[in-house]
Amino acid sequence: MKVWSLLIVTIFVVNLVRAQDVFVKKEMKPSIPWAVFDWSPYYILKGPQLGEGRLDRLKKIIAERLPLYQFVDVYADMPRAMELWGLGKNICIGSAIKTPEREKLAYFTAWSFQVPHEYLIVTGKPEVFQRMPEAPSLKEVLSQKKLKGVFTENRSYGFIIDALIRTAVKPPSSVKQVRSSEGYLSVLKMIEKGRYDYTIEYEFVVWDFNQRIFPSKPLLSKPLKETYPSMVIYVACTKNEWGKKVVQQIDEALQKAATSKEYQSAVESWTVPDSLRKNRKALEDFYHRRAQGPWNTVVSGGSPSDQ
């Protein structure tokens, strides 16, 4: 009886030591703090489709290909990520448009591809659209002092729109840029509640907001005249030695992943079939370029044109 008791205790101790050893090894993995925020269908942080956003899926693919790292979600949108970069804090974000201002703070590598899409001007007030054409110009809307517009501070909507907003927010102005700890969807919630008259957002983000979040009244929208062409979406990590190493390793992993069905399915997720059909060649060109070699801002000459 004593022998069996001793044997059981010995087995228990051995298994406990092994479990602790596995736990310690897991904890010793270097971490990659990864910014996520409420912006479906790019990031889906709750509900039955949790983790099925386009950027959620891409992160999972890269995490599987970098098993020596532990990816740790940090709730931070682009403005918050830029703050952390400025403080020298280690963090990566997978929804970055490359701009000169951001390149001072972070290293970039090509991550995904956005087929030509429409920005929509969005409102919760039917009267706002009463005298607007079917494809209003943002420049003209911004000039209407009776309408209150709202945009996310430090978010990039592309060079043309960014320039229009920078000019429009100069005081005195009826256009505001706001900060939020709730991600970009908080701006749509402000529009839903009538706190502001209009904003702009991607077509499929507005569609997803109306279909999945179920506002009390669906948001109204019209295609914007200043829509944006296809563009490359980047991963960006803090511009220090840590970020340089991580970006280079993500870049190498993406080269290998670019030809896989898993990666291409993630890039194309949440895009309407007709748009995929029309832009198949552009997508294939992106996959080919992504697979060919370095496409980052660490290596001189390693960052091809975005278009």
Protein backbone atom coordinates (compact mmCIF):
# COMPACT_ATOMS: atom_id res chain seq x y z
CA MET A 1 0.00 0.00 0.00
CA LYS A 2 2.82 2.34 0.89
CA VAL A 3 4.55 1.51 -2.41
CA TRP A 4 1.43 2.43 -4.40
CA SER A 5 1.02 5.65 -2.43
CA LEU A 6 4.64 6.55 -3.05
CA LEU A 7 4.25 5.75 -6.77
CA ILE A 8 1.16 7.93 -7.06
CA VAL A 9 2.87 10.82 -5.29
CA THR A 10 5.93 10.44 -7.53
CA ILE A 11 3.81 10.51 -10.71
CA PHE A 12 1.93 13.54 -9.41
CA VAL A 13 5.17 15.42 -8.67
CA VAL A 14 6.70 14.54 -12.06
CA ASN A 15 3.58 15.70 -13.91
CA LEU A 16 3.46 18.89 -11.85
CA VAL A 17 7.09 19.66 -12.67
CA ARG A 18 6.45 19.04 -16.37
CA ALA A 19 3.38 21.27 -16.32
CA GLN A 20 5.31 24.03 -14.57
CA ASP A 21 8.15 23.64 -17.06
CA VAL A 22 5.75 24.04 -20.00
CA PHE A 23 4.13 27.03 -18.32
CA VAL A 24 7.49 28.69 -17.66
CA LYS A 25 8.63 28.13 -21.24
CA LYS A 26 5.39 29.63 -22.54
CA GLU A 27 5.75 32.63 -20.25
CA MET A 28 9.36 33.11 -21.37
CA LYS A 29 8.25 33.71 -24.97
CA PRO A 30 8.93 37.30 -26.04
CA SER A 31 5.63 39.09 -26.53
CA ILE A 32 4.32 41.24 -29.37
CA PRO A 33 1.76 43.71 -27.99
CA TRP A 34 -0.82 43.94 -30.78
CA ALA A 35 -3.31 46.82 -31.05
CA VAL A 36 -6.96 45.90 -31.58
CA PHE A 37 -10.06 48.05 -31.32
CA ASP A 38 -13.78 48.05 -32.03
CA TRP A 39 -13.99 48.42 -35.81
CA SER A 40 -15.91 45.60 -37.46
CA PRO A 41 -15.60 43.96 -39.87
CA TYR A 42 -11.84 44.59 -39.60
CA TYR A 43 -11.71 43.68 -35.90
CA ILE A 44 -14.61 41.80 -34.32
CA LEU A 45 -14.16 41.81 -30.56
CA LYS A 46 -17.48 40.37 -29.42
CA GLY A 47 -20.51 38.39 -30.51
CA PRO A 48 -20.86 35.12 -32.43
CA GLN A 49 -18.27 36.19 -35.04
CA LEU A 50 -15.63 37.03 -32.45
CA GLY A 51 -12.15 36.93 -33.99
CA GLU A 52 -13.44 36.57 -37.56
CA GLY A 53 -12.66 40.12 -38.69
CA ARG A 54 -10.32 40.53 -41.63
CA LEU A 55 -7.41 41.78 -39.52
CA ASP A 56 -8.16 39.25 -36.76
CA ARG A 57 -7.70 36.45 -39.28
CA LEU A 58 -4.49 37.90 -40.70
CA LYS A 59 -3.01 38.24 -37.21
CA LYS A 60 -3.82 34.61 -36.47
CA ILE A 61 -2.06 33.50 -39.67
CA ILE A 62 1.12 35.38 -38.78
CA ALA A 63 1.04 34.30 -35.13
CA GLU A 64 1.01 30.67 -36.28
CA ARG A 65 4.05 31.36 -38.45
CA LEU A 66 5.96 33.07 -35.64
CA PRO A 67 5.60 30.45 -32.86
CA LEU A 68 8.51 31.83 -30.83
CA TYR A 69 6.45 34.93 -30.05
CA GLN A 70 3.37 35.39 -27.90
CA PHE A 71 0.91 37.86 -29.46
CA VAL A 72 -0.85 39.88 -26.77
CA ASP A 73 -3.93 41.97 -27.63
CA VAL A 74 -3.87 45.58 -26.41
CA TYR A 75 -6.95 47.76 -26.86
CA ALA A 76 -5.60 50.72 -28.82
CA ASP A 77 -6.71 52.50 -31.97
CA MET A 78 -4.33 54.36 -34.29
CA PRO A 79 -4.18 57.60 -32.24
CA ARG A 80 -3.32 55.60 -29.12
CA ALA A 81 -0.76 53.50 -31.02
CA MET A 82 0.92 56.69 -32.22
CA GLU A 83 1.08 57.97 -28.65
CA LEU A 84 2.75 54.74 -27.54
CA TRP A 85 5.21 54.88 -30.45
CA GLY A 86 6.10 58.42 -29.44
CA LEU A 87 6.84 57.20 -25.92
CA GLY A 88 9.03 54.41 -27.25
CA LYS A 89 6.60 51.71 -26.07
CA ASN A 90 6.60 48.44 -28.00
CA ILE A 91 3.38 47.89 -29.95
CA CYS A 92 2.27 46.83 -33.43
CA ILE A 93 -0.95 47.67 -35.27
CA GLY A 94 -2.26 45.90 -38.37
CA SER A 95 -4.51 48.62 -39.83
CA ALA A 96 -2.03 51.32 -40.80
CA ILE A 97 -1.91 53.52 -43.86
CA LYS A 98 1.69 54.65 -44.36
CA THR A 99 2.14 58.41 -43.98
CA PRO A 100 5.31 60.55 -43.54
CA GLU A 101 4.22 61.48 -39.99
CA ARG A 102 3.80 57.85 -38.97
CA GLU A 103 7.05 56.75 -40.61
CA LYS A 104 8.89 58.94 -38.10
CA LEU A 105 7.47 56.76 -35.31
CA ALA A 106 7.21 53.24 -36.72
CA TYR A 107 8.54 50.66 -39.15
CA PHE A 108 6.07 49.32 -41.72
CA THR A 109 5.57 46.16 -43.76
CA ALA A 110 2.84 45.46 -46.34
CA TRP A 111 0.11 43.45 -44.65
CA SER A 112 -3.06 43.44 -46.75
CA PHE A 113 -4.69 45.01 -49.78
CA GLN A 114 -7.84 47.07 -49.98
CA VAL A 115 -9.58 46.91 -53.35
CA PRO A 116 -11.08 50.18 -54.63
CA HIS A 117 -13.83 51.11 -52.25
CA GLU A 118 -16.17 53.93 -51.53
CA TYR A 119 -16.14 56.23 -48.59
CA LEU A 120 -19.66 57.13 -47.59
CA ILE A 121 -20.88 60.30 -46.00
CA VAL A 122 -22.99 59.08 -43.08
CA THR A 123 -25.76 60.69 -41.08
CA GLY A 124 -28.54 59.78 -38.69
CA LYS A 125 -30.60 62.83 -39.72
CA PRO A 126 -32.61 62.51 -42.97
CA GLU A 127 -32.78 66.30 -43.36
CA VAL A 128 -29.01 66.46 -43.87
CA PHE A 129 -29.39 64.74 -47.24
CA GLN A 130 -32.40 66.73 -48.46
CA ARG A 131 -30.44 69.05 -50.74
CA MET A 132 -27.32 66.96 -51.32
CA PRO A 133 -26.55 65.36 -54.70
CA GLU A 134 -26.32 61.59 -54.99
CA ALA A 135 -22.51 61.76 -54.76
CA PRO A 136 -21.74 64.79 -52.58
CA SER A 137 -18.28 66.32 -52.42
CA LEU A 138 -16.69 66.28 -48.96
CA LYS A 139 -15.05 69.61 -49.71
CA GLU A 140 -18.48 71.18 -50.26
CA VAL A 141 -20.04 69.49 -47.22
CA LEU A 142 -17.19 70.67 -44.97
CA SER A 143 -17.85 74.24 -46.09
CA GLN A 144 -21.44 74.15 -44.81
CA LYS A 145 -21.13 75.86 -41.44
CA LYS A 146 -24.61 74.84 -40.31
CA LEU A 147 -23.64 71.16 -40.36
CA LYS A 148 -21.55 69.66 -37.58
CA GLY A 149 -19.03 67.12 -38.82
CA VAL A 150 -16.96 64.72 -36.72
CA PHE A 151 -13.84 62.68 -37.51
CA THR A 152 -11.37 60.58 -35.54
CA GLU A 153 -8.20 62.44 -34.62
CA ASN A 154 -5.01 61.05 -36.22
CA ARG A 155 -6.90 58.58 -38.38
CA SER A 156 -5.82 58.67 -42.03
CA TYR A 157 -8.50 58.61 -44.71
CA GLY A 158 -5.99 58.98 -47.56
CA PHE A 159 -3.99 62.05 -48.60
CA ILE A 160 -6.76 63.98 -50.36
CA ILE A 161 -9.35 63.61 -47.59
CA ASP A 162 -6.77 64.14 -44.82
CA ALA A 163 -5.82 67.49 -46.37
CA LEU A 164 -9.47 68.58 -46.60
CA ILE A 165 -10.11 67.71 -42.94
CA ARG A 166 -6.94 69.46 -41.70
CA THR A 167 -8.09 72.65 -43.40
CA ALA A 168 -11.70 72.32 -42.23
CA VAL A 169 -10.96 71.88 -38.51
CA LYS A 170 -9.06 75.15 -38.18
CA PRO A 171 -11.04 77.43 -35.83
CA PRO A 172 -13.62 78.77 -36.02
CA SER A 173 -15.12 75.59 -37.38
CA SER A 174 -18.18 73.35 -37.15
CA VAL A 175 -15.95 70.33 -37.83
CA LYS A 176 -14.40 68.44 -34.92
CA GLN A 177 -11.79 65.77 -34.48
CA VAL A 178 -12.38 63.57 -31.43
CA ARG A 179 -10.47 61.02 -29.39
CA SER A 180 -12.17 57.90 -28.10
CA SER A 181 -11.19 54.84 -26.13
CA GLU A 182 -13.87 52.83 -27.97
CA GLY A 183 -12.34 52.69 -31.46
CA TYR A 184 -13.66 54.15 -34.69
CA LEU A 185 -17.19 52.82 -34.24
CA SER A 186 -17.71 55.29 -31.42
CA VAL A 187 -17.96 58.02 -34.06
CA LEU A 188 -20.79 56.15 -35.80
CA LYS A 189 -22.51 55.85 -32.42
CA MET A 190 -22.24 59.64 -32.03
CA ILE A 191 -23.91 60.03 -35.42
CA GLU A 192 -26.62 57.54 -34.45
CA LYS A 193 -27.38 59.54 -31.30
CA GLY A 194 -27.55 62.82 -33.25
CA ARG A 195 -24.63 64.48 -31.48
CA TYR A 196 -23.16 65.38 -34.88
CA ASP A 197 -24.65 65.71 -38.35
CA TYR A 198 -22.21 63.66 -40.42
CA THR A 199 -18.96 61.73 -40.70
CA ILE A 200 -17.39 59.50 -43.34
CA GLU A 201 -16.63 55.78 -43.18
CA TYR A 202 -15.95 52.81 -45.43
CA GLU A 203 -18.99 51.40 -47.19
CA PHE A 204 -18.78 47.92 -45.65
CA VAL A 205 -18.17 49.29 -42.13
CA VAL A 206 -21.44 51.25 -42.35
CA TRP A 207 -23.23 48.21 -43.75
CA ASP A 208 -21.88 46.04 -40.93
CA PHE A 209 -22.87 48.64 -38.32
CA ASN A 210 -26.47 48.69 -39.58
CA GLN A 211 -26.73 44.91 -39.98
CA ARG A 212 -24.89 43.58 -36.95
CA ILE A 213 -24.99 46.27 -34.27
CA PHE A 214 -28.65 47.04 -34.90
CA PRO A 215 -28.89 50.78 -34.19
CA SER A 216 -32.32 52.07 -33.20
CA LYS A 217 -32.50 53.69 -36.64
CA PRO A 218 -30.20 52.56 -39.49
CA LEU A 219 -27.62 55.15 -40.47
CA LEU A 220 -28.17 56.85 -43.82
CA SER A 221 -25.37 57.20 -46.33
CA LYS A 222 -24.37 58.44 -49.77
CA PRO A 223 -21.23 57.66 -51.76
CA LEU A 224 -18.62 60.36 -51.47
CA LYS A 225 -17.20 62.05 -54.55
CA GLU A 226 -13.67 61.87 -53.09
CA THR A 227 -13.57 58.09 -52.90
CA TYR A 228 -10.25 56.28 -52.56
CA PRO A 229 -8.51 53.89 -54.99
CA SER A 230 -7.03 50.55 -54.03
CA MET A 231 -4.32 50.72 -51.40
CA VAL A 232 -1.90 48.70 -49.35
CA ILE A 233 -2.64 48.26 -45.64
CA TYR A 234 0.41 47.90 -43.39
CA VAL A 235 1.54 46.42 -40.11
CA ALA A 236 3.43 49.10 -38.20
CA CYS A 237 5.62 48.56 -35.13
CA THR A 238 7.51 50.97 -32.89
CA LYS A 239 10.57 52.51 -34.56
CA ASN A 240 13.25 50.99 -32.32
CA GLU A 241 15.41 47.88 -32.38
CA TRP A 242 12.52 45.73 -31.14
CA GLY A 243 10.18 47.03 -33.86
CA LYS A 244 12.83 46.61 -36.56
CA LYS A 245 13.31 42.94 -35.65
CA VAL A 246 9.58 42.22 -35.40
CA VAL A 247 8.76 43.95 -38.70
CA GLN A 248 11.50 42.06 -40.51
CA GLN A 249 10.27 38.73 -39.15
CA ILE A 250 6.64 39.52 -39.99
CA ASP A 251 7.79 40.57 -43.46
CA GLU A 252 9.55 37.22 -43.98
CA ALA A 253 6.50 35.32 -42.74
CA LEU A 254 4.23 37.26 -45.09
CA GLN A 255 6.44 36.43 -48.07
CA LYS A 256 5.82 32.75 -47.39
CA ALA A 257 2.12 33.16 -46.54
CA ALA A 258 1.19 35.33 -49.54
CA THR A 259 0.59 32.44 -51.93
CA SER A 260 -1.52 30.41 -49.48
CA LYS A 261 -5.29 30.11 -49.80
CA GLU A 262 -5.63 30.87 -46.08
CA TYR A 263 -3.91 34.25 -46.41
CA GLN A 264 -5.69 35.26 -49.60
CA SER A 265 -9.06 34.26 -48.16
CA ALA A 266 -8.40 36.51 -45.14
CA VAL A 267 -7.39 39.47 -47.33
CA GLU A 268 -10.55 39.08 -49.41
CA SER A 269 -12.94 38.48 -46.52
CA TRP A 270 -15.85 40.88 -46.00
CA THR A 271 -15.58 42.13 -49.59
CA VAL A 272 -18.59 41.88 -51.89
CA PRO A 273 -18.13 39.25 -54.65
CA ASP A 274 -18.66 41.74 -57.49
CA SER A 275 -15.83 43.92 -56.19
CA LEU A 276 -13.54 40.89 -55.95
CA ARG A 277 -14.38 39.92 -59.52
CA LYS A 278 -13.67 43.41 -60.87
CA ASN A 279 -10.38 43.69 -59.01
CA ARG A 280 -9.03 40.16 -59.34
CA LYS A 281 -5.96 41.25 -61.32
CA ALA A 282 -5.02 43.92 -58.74
CA LEU A 283 -5.31 41.34 -55.95
CA GLU A 284 -3.21 38.80 -57.84
CA ASP A 285 -0.57 41.48 -58.51
CA PHE A 286 -0.46 42.29 -54.79
CA TYR A 287 -0.05 38.62 -53.78
CA HIS A 288 2.74 38.22 -56.33
CA ARG A 289 4.61 41.31 -55.13
CA ARG A 290 4.09 40.38 -51.48
CA ALA A 291 5.62 36.95 -52.11
CA GLN A 292 8.64 38.18 -54.07
CA GLY A 293 10.78 39.66 -51.32
CA PRO A 294 11.08 42.36 -48.64
CA TRP A 295 8.31 44.95 -48.63
CA ASN A 296 9.10 47.04 -45.58
CA THR A 297 10.56 50.36 -44.51
CA VAL A 298 13.44 48.81 -42.57
CA VAL A 299 15.45 47.81 -45.62
CA SER A 300 16.38 50.60 -48.03
CA GLY A 301 14.52 49.96 -51.27
CA GLY A 302 12.37 47.31 -49.62
CA SER A 303 9.11 49.26 -49.78
CA PRO A 304 7.57 49.31 -53.27
CA SER A 305 5.01 51.88 -54.32
CA ASP A 306 1.67 51.38 -52.61
CA GLN A 307 -0.29 51.62 -55.84
